[in-house]
Protein backbone atom coordinates (compact mmCIF):
# COMPACT_ATOMS: atom_id res chain seq x y z
CA MET A 1 0.00 0.00 0.00
CA LYS A 2 1.17 3.54 -0.74
CA ALA A 3 0.59 6.34 1.74
CA ALA A 4 1.84 9.89 2.13
CA VAL A 5 2.14 12.43 4.90
CA VAL A 6 2.26 16.16 4.17
CA GLY A 7 4.25 17.85 6.92
CA GLY A 8 7.23 16.21 8.57
CA GLY A 9 7.13 17.78 12.02
CA THR A 10 6.63 15.88 15.26
CA MET A 11 3.20 14.55 14.34
CA GLY A 12 3.96 13.96 10.67
CA ALA A 13 7.13 12.02 11.46
CA GLY A 14 5.24 9.91 13.99
CA ILE A 15 2.47 9.17 11.50
CA ALA A 16 5.05 8.20 8.87
CA HIS A 17 6.65 5.90 11.47
CA VAL A 18 3.44 3.94 12.12
CA LEU A 19 2.63 3.73 8.41
CA LEU A 20 6.07 2.27 7.71
CA ALA A 21 5.86 -0.13 10.65
CA ALA A 22 2.56 -1.43 9.24
CA GLY A 23 4.29 -2.38 5.99
CA ASN A 24 3.41 0.55 3.72
CA HIS A 25 5.50 2.51 1.27
CA VAL A 26 5.46 6.08 2.58
CA THR A 27 6.27 9.45 1.06
CA VAL A 28 6.66 12.50 3.28
CA ALA A 29 6.21 15.88 1.59
CA GLU A 30 7.73 19.01 3.07
CA ALA A 31 8.31 22.57 1.88
CA GLY A 32 11.83 22.64 0.47
CA GLU A 33 14.85 20.37 0.46
CA GLU A 34 16.13 21.40 3.89
CA ARG A 35 12.85 20.64 5.64
CA ALA A 36 12.45 17.42 3.69
CA ALA A 37 15.87 16.25 4.90
CA ALA A 38 14.97 17.17 8.48
CA ALA A 39 11.74 15.17 8.17
CA LYS A 40 13.66 12.10 7.01
CA GLU A 41 16.00 12.42 9.99
CA ALA A 42 13.02 12.73 12.35
CA VAL A 43 11.39 9.55 11.00
CA ALA A 44 14.70 7.68 11.19
CA ALA A 45 15.26 8.81 14.78
CA SER A 46 11.75 7.71 15.76
CA LEU A 47 12.23 4.27 14.21
CA ASP A 48 15.67 3.86 15.80
CA LYS A 49 14.21 4.65 19.21
CA ALA A 50 11.45 2.09 18.71
CA GLU A 51 13.97 -0.53 17.60
CA GLN A 52 16.08 0.05 20.72
CA ARG A 53 12.98 -0.56 22.81
CA GLY A 54 12.15 -3.75 20.97
CA LYS A 55 8.97 -2.31 19.48
CA LEU A 56 9.65 -3.14 15.82
CA ASP A 57 9.22 -6.52 14.14
CA ARG A 58 12.00 -5.77 11.65
CA PRO A 59 15.12 -3.55 11.65
CA ALA A 60 14.58 0.19 11.35
CA GLY A 61 16.92 0.27 8.38
CA GLN A 62 14.66 -2.06 6.43
CA LEU A 63 11.63 0.11 7.14
CA LEU A 64 13.49 3.22 5.99
CA GLU A 65 14.04 1.60 2.60
CA ARG A 66 10.31 2.14 1.99
CA LEU A 67 10.47 5.85 2.88
CA ASP A 68 10.80 8.66 0.36
CA VAL A 69 10.85 12.37 1.10
CA VAL A 70 9.98 15.08 -1.41
CA ALA A 71 10.30 18.84 -1.30
CA ALA A 72 6.83 19.70 -2.62
CA VAL A 73 3.34 18.23 -2.66
CA ASP A 74 3.27 18.05 -6.46
CA GLN A 75 6.09 15.48 -6.24
CA LEU A 76 3.90 12.93 -4.44
CA PRO A 77 3.30 9.69 -6.41
CA SER A 78 0.04 9.88 -8.34
CA THR A 79 -0.81 6.32 -7.24
CA THR A 80 -0.81 7.19 -3.54
CA GLU A 81 -3.84 5.65 -1.81
CA LEU A 82 -3.92 7.66 1.44
CA VAL A 83 -2.65 11.17 2.14
CA ILE A 84 -2.64 12.52 5.69
CA GLU A 85 -2.21 16.26 6.03
CA ALA A 86 -0.20 17.19 9.14
CA VAL A 87 0.73 20.85 8.63
CA PRO A 88 0.25 23.61 11.25
CA GLU A 89 -3.25 24.45 12.52
CA ASP A 90 -4.09 27.11 9.93
CA VAL A 91 -7.27 26.61 7.88
CA ALA A 92 -6.04 28.55 4.85
CA LEU A 93 -2.76 26.63 4.78
CA LYS A 94 -4.51 23.28 5.09
CA ARG A 95 -6.92 24.14 2.29
CA ARG A 96 -4.04 25.10 -0.02
CA VAL A 97 -2.17 21.91 0.81
CA LEU A 98 -5.22 19.71 0.25
CA ALA A 99 -5.98 21.43 -3.05
CA ASP A 100 -2.46 20.56 -4.22
CA VAL A 101 -2.87 16.99 -2.97
CA ARG A 102 -6.07 16.53 -5.01
CA LYS A 103 -4.14 17.40 -8.17
CA ALA A 104 -1.15 15.20 -7.33
CA CYS A 105 -3.04 12.16 -6.00
CA PRO A 106 -6.51 12.11 -7.61
CA ASP A 107 -7.56 8.72 -6.22
CA ALA A 108 -6.23 9.07 -2.68
CA LEU A 109 -8.30 9.12 0.48
CA LEU A 110 -7.73 12.60 1.93
CA ALA A 111 -7.36 12.93 5.70
CA SER A 112 -6.41 15.70 8.09
CA ASN A 113 -4.66 15.25 11.42
CA THR A 114 -6.06 18.51 12.81
CA SER A 115 -6.88 18.30 16.50
CA SER A 116 -9.64 20.93 16.59
CA LEU A 117 -10.44 22.62 13.25
CA SER A 118 -13.63 21.79 11.38
CA ILE A 119 -12.98 18.91 9.00
CA ARG A 120 -15.84 19.92 6.70
CA SER A 121 -14.29 23.39 6.33
CA LEU A 122 -11.26 21.72 4.73
CA GLY A 123 -13.35 20.10 1.99
CA ASP A 124 -16.33 17.82 1.61
CA ASP A 125 -14.01 14.96 0.60
CA VAL A 126 -11.76 15.21 3.68
CA ILE A 127 -12.01 12.95 6.73
CA GLY A 128 -10.41 13.56 10.10
CA MET A 129 -7.72 11.13 11.25
CA HIS A 130 -6.61 12.63 14.56
CA PHE A 131 -3.52 10.88 15.91
CA PHE A 132 -2.08 11.45 19.38
CA ASN A 133 1.44 12.35 20.44
CA PRO A 134 3.68 10.38 20.51
CA VAL A 135 2.02 8.65 17.56
CA PRO A 136 3.99 5.35 17.70
CA VAL A 137 3.05 4.88 21.38
CA GLN A 138 -0.52 6.16 21.67
CA ALA A 139 -3.13 3.52 20.83
CA LEU A 140 -6.01 5.88 20.00
CA LEU A 141 -7.02 7.30 16.64
CA GLU A 142 -10.01 9.66 16.51
CA LEU A 143 -11.87 9.39 13.22
CA VAL A 144 -13.88 12.54 12.49
CA VAL A 145 -16.77 12.27 10.03
CA HIS A 146 -19.34 14.62 8.50
CA ASP A 147 -22.45 14.25 6.35
CA ASP A 148 -20.75 15.03 3.03
CA LEU A 149 -18.49 12.00 3.19
CA GLU A 150 -19.33 8.95 1.12
CA PRO A 151 -19.83 5.84 3.27
CA ALA A 152 -17.05 4.13 1.32
CA GLN A 153 -14.60 6.83 2.43
CA VAL A 154 -15.42 6.19 6.07
CA VAL A 155 -14.94 2.45 5.57
CA ARG A 156 -11.56 3.06 3.90
CA ALA A 157 -10.47 5.27 6.78
CA HIS A 158 -11.48 2.66 9.35
CA ASP A 159 -9.56 0.01 7.42
CA TRP A 160 -6.43 2.16 7.29
CA ALA A 161 -6.65 3.06 10.98
CA GLU A 162 -7.07 -0.53 12.06
CA SER A 163 -4.21 -1.67 9.80
CA LEU A 164 -1.98 0.59 11.87
CA GLY A 165 -2.95 -1.23 15.04
CA LYS A 166 -4.88 1.72 16.43
CA THR A 167 -8.07 1.64 18.46
CA VAL A 168 -10.59 3.79 16.58
CA ILE A 169 -13.31 6.02 17.96
CA GLU A 170 -15.68 7.75 15.53
CA VAL A 171 -16.99 11.23 16.34
CA ARG A 172 -18.99 13.84 14.51
CA ASP A 173 -17.28 16.91 13.14
CA SER A 174 -17.67 19.50 15.90
CA PRO A 175 -15.34 22.02 17.59
CA GLY A 176 -12.56 20.17 19.37
CA PHE A 177 -14.12 16.80 18.45
CA ALA A 178 -14.28 14.66 21.61
CA THR A 179 -10.71 14.33 22.83
CA SER A 180 -9.34 17.83 22.30
CA ARG A 181 -12.44 19.38 23.81
CA LEU A 182 -12.18 17.34 27.00
CA GLY A 183 -8.40 17.44 27.18
CA VAL A 184 -8.20 21.20 26.74
CA ALA A 185 -10.93 21.77 29.35
CA VAL A 186 -8.97 19.84 31.97
CA GLY A 187 -5.67 21.40 30.90
CA LEU A 188 -6.99 24.96 31.16
CA GLU A 189 -8.46 24.29 34.60
CA ALA A 190 -5.13 22.87 35.76
CA ILE A 191 -3.42 26.07 34.59
CA ARG A 192 -5.97 28.19 36.46
CA MET A 193 -5.40 26.13 39.62
CA LEU A 194 -1.64 26.64 39.29
CA ALA A 195 -2.11 30.39 38.83
CA GLU A 196 -4.38 30.53 41.90
CA GLY A 197 -1.83 28.69 44.04
CA VAL A 198 -4.09 25.69 44.65
CA ALA A 199 -1.13 23.33 44.29
CA SER A 200 2.21 23.02 42.53
CA ALA A 201 2.41 21.83 38.93
CA GLU A 202 3.96 18.56 40.10
CA ASP A 203 1.24 17.93 42.68
CA ILE A 204 -1.60 18.76 40.28
CA ASP A 205 -0.19 16.30 37.77
CA THR A 206 0.46 13.63 40.39
CA GLY A 207 -3.13 13.97 41.58
CA MET A 208 -4.46 13.27 38.11
CA ARG A 209 -2.06 10.41 37.49
CA LEU A 210 -2.64 8.56 40.73
CA GLY A 211 -6.20 9.67 41.46
CA TYR A 212 -7.66 9.29 37.97
CA GLY A 213 -5.24 6.96 36.22
CA TRP A 214 -3.93 9.47 33.70
CA PRO A 215 -0.60 8.26 32.25
CA MET A 216 0.58 11.88 32.27
CA GLY A 217 -0.68 14.91 34.17
CA PRO A 218 -2.44 17.75 32.29
CA LEU A 219 0.38 20.27 32.77
CA ARG A 220 3.14 17.95 31.60
CA LEU A 221 0.90 16.99 28.70
CA THR A 222 0.52 20.68 27.84
CA ASP A 223 4.30 20.96 27.80
CA LEU A 224 4.50 18.00 25.45
CA VAL A 225 1.81 19.31 23.09
CA GLY A 226 3.23 22.84 23.18
CA LEU A 227 1.81 25.81 25.07
CA ASP A 228 1.44 27.72 21.81
CA VAL A 229 -0.56 24.87 20.28
CA ARG A 230 -2.79 24.61 23.34
CA LEU A 231 -3.34 28.38 23.33
CA SER A 232 -4.33 28.32 19.66
CA ILE A 233 -6.81 25.49 20.25
CA ALA A 234 -8.27 27.24 23.32
CA GLU A 235 -8.77 30.45 21.34
CA HIS A 236 -10.51 28.51 18.57
CA LEU A 237 -12.79 26.72 21.06
CA THR A 238 -13.59 30.01 22.78
CA LYS A 239 -14.72 31.42 19.46
CA GLU A 240 -16.80 28.35 18.66
CA LEU A 241 -18.13 27.27 22.06
CA GLY A 242 -17.96 30.27 24.37
CA PRO A 243 -16.03 31.73 27.29
CA ARG A 244 -15.58 28.51 29.25
CA PHE A 245 -12.54 27.88 27.04
CA THR A 246 -11.02 31.34 27.55
CA PRO A 247 -7.23 30.87 27.88
CA PRO A 248 -5.83 31.77 31.35
CA GLU A 249 -3.44 34.73 31.51
CA LEU A 250 -0.70 32.43 32.78
CA LEU A 251 -0.85 30.48 29.53
CA ARG A 252 -0.78 33.66 27.43
CA ASN A 253 2.14 35.04 29.42
CA LYS A 254 4.23 31.91 29.08
CA VAL A 255 3.65 31.78 25.32
CA ALA A 256 4.61 35.48 25.06
CA ARG A 257 7.87 34.71 26.91
CA GLY A 258 8.64 31.83 24.58
CA GLU A 259 8.08 29.17 27.27
CA LEU A 260 6.38 26.72 24.95
CA GLY A 261 7.10 23.45 26.74
CA ARG A 262 9.50 20.66 25.95
CA LYS A 263 10.43 22.02 22.51
CA THR A 264 11.91 25.19 24.06
CA GLY A 265 13.21 23.60 27.26
CA ARG A 266 10.71 25.22 29.62
CA GLY A 267 6.96 25.37 30.04
CA PHE A 268 5.24 24.40 33.25
CA PHE A 269 8.27 22.16 33.89
CA ASP A 270 12.00 22.48 33.23
CA TRP A 271 12.98 20.22 30.32
CA SER A 272 16.58 21.40 29.98
């Protein structure tokens, strides 16, 4: 099977990893040669890490033989069967990318990995395939559907998701879907509690891990996702669903200072 991922960042590289591990030929498209090379390195590093942990059924080097990277969407193979868009959370950007994908891969199932934007707004032929970070580890895949999709498209998406070994939940296209909406609500409340001095970041997270069985506390998870990403999603949900998703000032201030979480070395925790 031939699949492609547009966008080779953290999520895109992880998605490419699981597609390769499932036995597919994968092409990752990025914007320019430099970013394409960085995407290939990210996928290779992810596979190497999985191999060291004994999580691959064949050597990482063999899987990488089925990976291609290209420097533009129009270089994707025309016979690609699935294309997953994983570019930044910008509706206009995603629409442009998907328009280019339609020309390059006319028969492909089109999917978006957006975590909160309306799937239908990206095109009536687009389905949501929302993966979770880190993609090779997280078992869940949220399939987001809307009324304009053909039933056959939904079946194809389910088949692809299950071929990757993911557990699938199907939700209707709505702001934040199911997981982002709930996850952001808890995360924002944790930030408010921290700002109010209710407890330390470590104790808030420990309470959720040990009291509710979360594998990771909401503040550490926010650091992993990126404070800037969480702020953007909260602002979108505020616009769509009302003031209960209003971002706390502490979150805004940290983003303004460049404290974006693990990717910058500091967020609610010190990652240096």
